[in-house]
PDB file of N, CA and C in Angstrom:
ATOM      1  N   MET A   1     -17.962  14.137 -18.901  1.00  0.00           N
ATOM      2  CA  MET A   1     -17.313  13.685 -17.684  1.00  0.00           C
ATOM      3  C   MET A   1     -15.982  13.024 -18.054  1.00  0.00           C
ATOM      4  N   PRO A   2     -14.845  13.533 -17.524  1.00  0.00           N
ATOM      5  CA  PRO A   2     -13.549  12.928 -17.839  1.00  0.00           C
ATOM      6  C   PRO A   2     -13.373  11.604 -17.124  1.00  0.00           C
ATOM      7  N   LYS A   3     -12.573  10.734 -17.729  1.00  0.00           N
ATOM      8  CA  LYS A   3     -12.300   9.438 -17.125  1.00  0.00           C
ATOM      9  C   LYS A   3     -11.340   9.600 -15.948  1.00  0.00           C
ATOM     10  N   ALA A   4     -11.524   8.781 -14.954  1.00  0.00           N
ATOM     11  CA  ALA A   4     -10.626   8.793 -13.799  1.00  0.00           C
ATOM     12  C   ALA A   4      -9.301   8.147 -14.193  1.00  0.00           C
ATOM     13  N   LYS A   5      -8.213   8.669 -13.657  1.00  0.00           N
ATOM     14  CA  LYS A   5      -6.894   8.147 -13.994  1.00  0.00           C
ATOM     15  C   LYS A   5      -6.644   6.788 -13.373  1.00  0.00           C
ATOM     16  N   GLU A   6      -7.146   6.563 -12.195  1.00  0.00           N
ATOM     17  CA  GLU A   6      -6.961   5.272 -11.551  1.00  0.00           C
ATOM     18  C   GLU A   6      -8.251   4.868 -10.861  1.00  0.00           C
ATOM     19  N   SER A   7      -8.384   3.594 -10.651  1.00  0.00           N
ATOM     20  CA  SER A   7      -9.607   3.058 -10.074  1.00  0.00           C
ATOM     21  C   SER A   7      -9.583   3.205  -8.560  1.00  0.00           C
ATOM     22  N   LEU A   8     -10.537   3.938  -8.034  1.00  0.00           N
ATOM     23  CA  LEU A   8     -10.690   4.065  -6.596  1.00  0.00           C
ATOM     24  C   LEU A   8     -11.971   3.364  -6.209  1.00  0.00           C
ATOM     25  N   ARG A   9     -11.843   2.218  -5.624  1.00  0.00           N
ATOM     26  CA  ARG A   9     -13.002   1.418  -5.293  1.00  0.00           C
ATOM     27  C   ARG A   9     -13.859   2.102  -4.230  1.00  0.00           C
ATOM     28  N   GLY A  10     -15.117   2.279  -4.527  1.00  0.00           N
ATOM     29  CA  GLY A  10     -16.053   2.793  -3.548  1.00  0.00           C
ATOM     30  C   GLY A  10     -16.083   4.292  -3.402  1.00  0.00           C
ATOM     31  N   LEU A  11     -15.250   5.018  -4.120  1.00  0.00           N
ATOM     32  CA  LEU A  11     -15.256   6.476  -4.006  1.00  0.00           C
ATOM     33  C   LEU A  11     -15.651   7.080  -5.346  1.00  0.00           C
ATOM     34  N   GLY A  12     -16.910   7.210  -5.585  1.00  0.00           N
ATOM     35  CA  GLY A  12     -17.386   7.807  -6.829  1.00  0.00           C
ATOM     36  C   GLY A  12     -17.207   9.310  -6.769  1.00  0.00           C
ATOM     37  N   GLN A  13     -18.297  10.030  -6.802  1.00  0.00           N
ATOM     38  CA  GLN A  13     -18.237  11.485  -6.708  1.00  0.00           C
ATOM     39  C   GLN A  13     -18.311  11.957  -5.271  1.00  0.00           C
ATOM     40  N   LYS A  14     -18.426  11.031  -4.362  1.00  0.00           N
ATOM     41  CA  LYS A  14     -18.574  11.389  -2.954  1.00  0.00           C
ATOM     42  C   LYS A  14     -17.252  11.822  -2.332  1.00  0.00           C
ATOM     43  N   TYR A  15     -17.361  12.411  -1.193  1.00  0.00           N
ATOM     44  CA  TYR A  15     -16.276  12.681  -0.247  1.00  0.00           C
ATOM     45  C   TYR A  15     -15.318  13.805  -0.636  1.00  0.00           C
ATOM     46  N   GLY A  16     -15.369  14.361  -1.814  1.00  0.00           N
ATOM     47  CA  GLY A  16     -14.511  15.482  -2.160  1.00  0.00           C
ATOM     48  C   GLY A  16     -13.166  15.067  -2.736  1.00  0.00           C
ATOM     49  N   GLY A  17     -12.576  15.976  -3.476  1.00  0.00           N
ATOM     50  CA  GLY A  17     -11.322  15.697  -4.171  1.00  0.00           C
ATOM     51  C   GLY A  17     -10.144  15.470  -3.255  1.00  0.00           C
ATOM     52  N   THR A  18     -10.070  16.212  -2.159  1.00  0.00           N
ATOM     53  CA  THR A  18      -8.931  16.086  -1.248  1.00  0.00           C
ATOM     54  C   THR A  18      -8.870  14.693  -0.630  1.00  0.00           C
ATOM     55  N   LEU A  19     -10.001  14.196  -0.176  1.00  0.00           N
ATOM     56  CA  LEU A  19     -10.002  12.861   0.432  1.00  0.00           C
ATOM     57  C   LEU A  19      -9.765  11.773  -0.600  1.00  0.00           C
ATOM     58  N   ARG A  20     -10.270  11.941  -1.819  1.00  0.00           N
ATOM     59  CA  ARG A  20      -9.998  10.951  -2.870  1.00  0.00           C
ATOM     60  C   ARG A  20      -8.523  10.915  -3.212  1.00  0.00           C
ATOM     61  N   LYS A  21      -7.868  12.069  -3.262  1.00  0.00           N
ATOM     62  CA  LYS A  21      -6.423  12.111  -3.544  1.00  0.00           C
ATOM     63  C   LYS A  21      -5.622  11.478  -2.414  1.00  0.00           C
ATOM     64  N   ARG A  22      -6.025  11.727  -1.177  1.00  0.00           N
ATOM     65  CA  ARG A  22      -5.340  11.136  -0.031  1.00  0.00           C
ATOM     66  C   ARG A  22      -5.485   9.619  -0.043  1.00  0.00           C
ATOM     67  N   TYR A  23      -6.697   9.148  -0.345  1.00  0.00           N
ATOM     68  CA  TYR A  23      -6.950   7.717  -0.423  1.00  0.00           C
ATOM     69  C   TYR A  23      -6.139   7.090  -1.552  1.00  0.00           C
ATOM     70  N   ALA A  24      -6.046   7.779  -2.691  1.00  0.00           N
ATOM     71  CA  ALA A  24      -5.279   7.253  -3.824  1.00  0.00           C
ATOM     72  C   ALA A  24      -3.800   7.128  -3.474  1.00  0.00           C
ATOM     73  N   ARG A  25      -3.263   8.103  -2.740  1.00  0.00           N
ATOM     74  CA  ARG A  25      -1.854   8.043  -2.349  1.00  0.00           C
ATOM     75  C   ARG A  25      -1.591   6.862  -1.413  1.00  0.00           C
ATOM     76  N   VAL A  26      -2.468   6.639  -0.440  1.00  0.00           N
ATOM     77  CA  VAL A  26      -2.312   5.515   0.484  1.00  0.00           C
ATOM     78  C   VAL A  26      -2.466   4.198  -0.258  1.00  0.00           C
ATOM     79  N   PHE A  27      -3.427   4.108  -1.168  1.00  0.00           N
ATOM     80  CA  PHE A  27      -3.666   2.878  -1.917  1.00  0.00           C
ATOM     81  C   PHE A  27      -2.471   2.531  -2.806  1.00  0.00           C
ATOM     82  N   ARG A  28      -1.881   3.546  -3.473  1.00  0.00           N
ATOM     83  CA  ARG A  28      -0.687   3.307  -4.299  1.00  0.00           C
ATOM     84  C   ARG A  28       0.474   2.828  -3.444  1.00  0.00           C
ATOM     85  N   THR A  29       0.673   3.439  -2.286  1.00  0.00           N
ATOM     86  CA  THR A  29       1.752   3.031  -1.384  1.00  0.00           C
ATOM     87  C   THR A  29       1.559   1.598  -0.902  1.00  0.00           C
ATOM     88  N   LEU A  30       0.325   1.247  -0.593  1.00  0.00           N
ATOM     89  CA  LEU A  30       0.025  -0.088  -0.086  1.00  0.00           C
ATOM     90  C   LEU A  30       0.280  -1.171  -1.126  1.00  0.00           C
ATOM     91  N   LYS A  31      -0.034  -0.916  -2.391  1.00  0.00           N
ATOM     92  CA  LYS A  31       0.010  -1.940  -3.424  1.00  0.00           C
ATOM     93  C   LYS A  31       1.311  -1.994  -4.219  1.00  0.00           C
ATOM     94  N   GLN A  32       2.278  -1.111  -3.953  1.00  0.00           N
ATOM     95  CA  GLN A  32       3.505  -1.132  -4.743  1.00  0.00           C
ATOM     96  C   GLN A  32       4.358  -2.358  -4.417  1.00  0.00           C
ATOM     97  N   ALA A  33       5.203  -2.763  -5.354  1.00  0.00           N
ATOM     98  CA  ALA A  33       6.067  -3.932  -5.175  1.00  0.00           C
ATOM     99  C   ALA A  33       7.202  -3.586  -4.213  1.00  0.00           C
ATOM    100  N   ARG A  34       7.511  -4.529  -3.326  1.00  0.00           N
ATOM    101  CA  ARG A  34       8.582  -4.324  -2.358  1.00  0.00           C
ATOM    102  C   ARG A  34       9.562  -5.487  -2.394  1.00  0.00           C
ATOM    103  N   GLU A  35      10.804  -5.178  -2.041  1.00  0.00           N
ATOM    104  CA  GLU A  35      11.857  -6.191  -2.050  1.00  0.00           C
ATOM    105  C   GLU A  35      11.966  -6.849  -0.674  1.00  0.00           C
ATOM    106  N   CYS A  36      12.063  -8.159  -0.667  1.00  0.00           N
ATOM    107  CA  CYS A  36      12.208  -8.911   0.579  1.00  0.00           C
ATOM    108  C   CYS A  36      13.624  -8.705   1.118  1.00  0.00           C
ATOM    109  N   PRO A  37      13.772  -8.364   2.417  1.00  0.00           N
ATOM    110  CA  PRO A  37      15.118  -8.179   2.967  1.00  0.00           C
ATOM    111  C   PRO A  37      15.909  -9.480   3.089  1.00  0.00           C
ATOM    112  N   ALA A  38      15.230 -10.620   3.098  1.00  0.00           N
ATOM    113  CA  ALA A  38      15.924 -11.896   3.261  1.00  0.00           C
ATOM    114  C   ALA A  38      16.391 -12.483   1.930  1.00  0.00           C
ATOM    115  N   CYS A  39      15.491 -12.547   0.930  1.00  0.00           N
ATOM    116  CA  CYS A  39      15.843 -13.233  -0.321  1.00  0.00           C
ATOM    117  C   CYS A  39      15.944 -12.300  -1.529  1.00  0.00           C
ATOM    118  N   SER A  40      15.699 -11.026  -1.358  1.00  0.00           N
ATOM    119  CA  SER A  40      15.803  -9.998  -2.406  1.00  0.00           C
ATOM    120  C   SER A  40      14.820 -10.190  -3.561  1.00  0.00           C
ATOM    121  N   SER A  41      13.765 -10.950  -3.370  1.00  0.00           N
ATOM    122  CA  SER A  41      12.738 -11.069  -4.406  1.00  0.00           C
ATOM    123  C   SER A  41      11.729  -9.930  -4.217  1.00  0.00           C
ATOM    124  N   MET A  42      10.979  -9.630  -5.242  1.00  0.00           N
ATOM    125  CA  MET A  42       9.998  -8.541  -5.189  1.00  0.00           C
ATOM    126  C   MET A  42       8.615  -9.076  -4.818  1.00  0.00           C
ATOM    127  N   LYS A  43       8.540 -10.003  -3.889  1.00  0.00           N
ATOM    128  CA  LYS A  43       7.276 -10.640  -3.534  1.00  0.00           C
ATOM    129  C   LYS A  43       6.847 -10.365  -2.099  1.00  0.00           C
ATOM    130  N   LEU A  44       7.321  -9.280  -1.506  1.00  0.00           N
ATOM    131  CA  LEU A  44       6.921  -8.925  -0.157  1.00  0.00           C
ATOM    132  C   LEU A  44       5.579  -8.219  -0.217  1.00  0.00           C
ATOM    133  N   SER A  45       4.608  -8.694   0.540  1.00  0.00           N
ATOM    134  CA  SER A  45       3.278  -8.086   0.523  1.00  0.00           C
ATOM    135  C   SER A  45       2.701  -8.065   1.929  1.00  0.00           C
ATOM    136  N   ARG A  46       1.677  -7.252   2.111  1.00  0.00           N
ATOM    137  CA  ARG A  46       1.047  -7.093   3.420  1.00  0.00           C
ATOM    138  C   ARG A  46       0.081  -8.239   3.676  1.00  0.00           C
ATOM    139  N   THR A  47       0.252  -8.914   4.793  1.00  0.00           N
ATOM    140  CA  THR A  47      -0.636 -10.001   5.199  1.00  0.00           C
ATOM    141  C   THR A  47      -1.790  -9.449   6.029  1.00  0.00           C
ATOM    142  N   ALA A  48      -1.476  -8.615   6.994  1.00  0.00           N
ATOM    143  CA  ALA A  48      -2.458  -7.955   7.849  1.00  0.00           C
ATOM    144  C   ALA A  48      -1.908  -6.569   8.165  1.00  0.00           C
ATOM    145  N   SER A  49      -2.636  -5.794   8.912  1.00  0.00           N
ATOM    146  CA  SER A  49      -2.198  -4.447   9.245  1.00  0.00           C
ATOM    147  C   SER A  49      -0.898  -4.508  10.048  1.00  0.00           C
ATOM    148  N   GLY A  50       0.197  -4.042   9.450  1.00  0.00           N
ATOM    149  CA  GLY A  50       1.493  -4.029  10.117  1.00  0.00           C
ATOM    150  C   GLY A  50       2.297  -5.306   9.996  1.00  0.00           C
ATOM    151  N   ILE A  51       1.783  -6.332   9.319  1.00  0.00           N
ATOM    152  CA  ILE A  51       2.501  -7.596   9.153  1.00  0.00           C
ATOM    153  C   ILE A  51       2.773  -7.820   7.675  1.00  0.00           C
ATOM    154  N   TRP A  52       4.044  -7.966   7.318  1.00  0.00           N
ATOM    155  CA  TRP A  52       4.476  -8.118   5.929  1.00  0.00           C
ATOM    156  C   TRP A  52       5.162  -9.469   5.780  1.00  0.00           C
ATOM    157  N   SER A  53       4.847 -10.197   4.708  1.00  0.00           N
ATOM    158  CA  SER A  53       5.469 -11.505   4.505  1.00  0.00           C
ATOM    159  C   SER A  53       5.842 -11.689   3.040  1.00  0.00           C
ATOM    160  N   CYS A  54       6.895 -12.475   2.828  1.00  0.00           N
ATOM    161  CA  CYS A  54       7.388 -12.774   1.486  1.00  0.00           C
ATOM    162  C   CYS A  54       6.706 -14.045   0.983  1.00  0.00           C
ATOM    163  N   LYS A  55       6.239 -14.010  -0.242  1.00  0.00           N
ATOM    164  CA  LYS A  55       5.550 -15.167  -0.799  1.00  0.00           C
ATOM    165  C   LYS A  55       6.524 -16.240  -1.291  1.00  0.00           C
ATOM    166  N   SER A  56       7.781 -15.885  -1.536  1.00  0.00           N
ATOM    167  CA  SER A  56       8.718 -16.875  -2.058  1.00  0.00           C
ATOM    168  C   SER A  56       9.494 -17.598  -0.956  1.00  0.00           C
ATOM    169  N   CYS A  57       9.940 -16.880   0.081  1.00  0.00           N
ATOM    170  CA  CYS A  57      10.745 -17.537   1.117  1.00  0.00           C
ATOM    171  C   CYS A  57      10.018 -17.690   2.448  1.00  0.00           C
ATOM    172  N   GLY A  58       8.884 -17.007   2.646  1.00  0.00           N
ATOM    173  CA  GLY A  58       8.138 -17.128   3.881  1.00  0.00           C
ATOM    174  C   GLY A  58       8.602 -16.219   5.007  1.00  0.00           C
ATOM    175  N   TYR A  59       9.528 -15.318   4.742  1.00  0.00           N
ATOM    176  CA  TYR A  59      10.039 -14.376   5.734  1.00  0.00           C
ATOM    177  C   TYR A  59       8.913 -13.441   6.170  1.00  0.00           C
ATOM    178  N   THR A  60       8.758 -13.219   7.480  1.00  0.00           N
ATOM    179  CA  THR A  60       7.719 -12.351   8.018  1.00  0.00           C
ATOM    180  C   THR A  60       8.370 -11.272   8.867  1.00  0.00           C
ATOM    181  N   VAL A  61       7.900 -10.041   8.715  1.00  0.00           N
ATOM    182  CA  VAL A  61       8.448  -8.908   9.445  1.00  0.00           C
ATOM    183  C   VAL A  61       7.308  -7.966   9.818  1.00  0.00           C
ATOM    184  N   ALA A  62       7.474  -7.232  10.925  1.00  0.00           N
ATOM    185  CA  ALA A  62       6.493  -6.240  11.341  1.00  0.00           C
ATOM    186  C   ALA A  62       6.934  -4.877  10.844  1.00  0.00           C
ATOM    187  N   GLY A  63       5.968  -4.061  10.442  1.00  0.00           N
ATOM    188  CA  GLY A  63       6.271  -2.733   9.944  1.00  0.00           C
ATOM    189  C   GLY A  63       5.082  -1.819  10.135  1.00  0.00           C
ATOM    190  N   GLY A  64       4.991  -0.814   9.292  1.00  0.00           N
ATOM    191  CA  GLY A  64       3.872   0.114   9.372  1.00  0.00           C
ATOM    192  C   GLY A  64       2.607  -0.489   8.785  1.00  0.00           C
ATOM    193  N   ALA A  65       1.498   0.196   8.961  1.00  0.00           N
ATOM    194  CA  ALA A  65       0.211  -0.308   8.496  1.00  0.00           C
ATOM    195  C   ALA A  65       0.110  -0.284   6.976  1.00  0.00           C
ATOM    196  N   TYR A  66       0.602   0.774   6.330  1.00  0.00           N
ATOM    197  CA  TYR A  66       0.459   0.914   4.886  1.00  0.00           C
ATOM    198  C   TYR A  66       1.776   0.811   4.140  1.00  0.00           C
ATOM    199  N   ASP A  67       2.879   0.842   4.848  1.00  0.00           N
ATOM    200  CA  ASP A  67       4.196   0.760   4.237  1.00  0.00           C
ATOM    201  C   ASP A  67       5.104  -0.007   5.194  1.00  0.00           C
ATOM    202  N   LEU A  68       6.108  -0.652   4.661  1.00  0.00           N
ATOM    203  CA  LEU A  68       7.008  -1.439   5.500  1.00  0.00           C
ATOM    204  C   LEU A  68       7.744  -0.543   6.493  1.00  0.00           C
ATOM    205  N   ALA A  69       8.249   0.589   6.028  1.00  0.00           N
ATOM    206  CA  ALA A  69       8.886   1.563   6.905  1.00  0.00           C
ATOM    207  C   ALA A  69       7.812   2.533   7.393  1.00  0.00           C
ATOM    208  N   GLN A  70       7.746   2.764   8.678  1.00  0.00           N
ATOM    209  CA  GLN A  70       6.723   3.664   9.195  1.00  0.00           C
ATOM    210  C   GLN A  70       7.024   5.090   8.790  1.00  0.00           C
ATOM    211  N   ALA A  71       5.984   5.826   8.458  1.00  0.00           N
ATOM    212  CA  ALA A  71       6.141   7.209   8.012  1.00  0.00           C
ATOM    213  C   ALA A  71       6.439   8.108   9.208  1.00  0.00           C
ATOM    214  N   LYS A  72       7.164   9.187   8.941  1.00  0.00           N
ATOM    215  CA  LYS A  72       7.447  10.157   9.993  1.00  0.00           C
ATOM    216  C   LYS A  72       6.196  10.991  10.253  1.00  0.00           C
ATOM    217  N   ALA A  73       6.028  11.404  11.484  1.00  0.00           N
ATOM    218  CA  ALA A  73       4.878  12.254  11.838  1.00  0.00           C
ATOM    219  C   ALA A  73       5.065  13.630  11.219  1.00  0.00           C
ATOM    220  N   ARG A  74       3.980  14.196  10.741  1.00  0.00           N
ATOM    221  CA  ARG A  74       4.067  15.529  10.105  1.00  0.00           C
ATOM    222  C   ARG A  74       3.930  16.621  11.107  1.00  0.00           C
TER     223      ARG A  74
END
């Protein structure tokens, strides 16, 4: 059995490869470092679904659920 490249919490062999890849893409997008528009620090993180806040200056902004900029519809 080959080792998994990244840790996907709760998705073992279940659910199929396509859904695991989709989940991995969303998880990577959610956890990547982002720059704060107010203070330019890389400490902007998601507080709740659609709410993003900077840990250094306290700036809060609304955006997409998984990314600050909302994705275009396919």
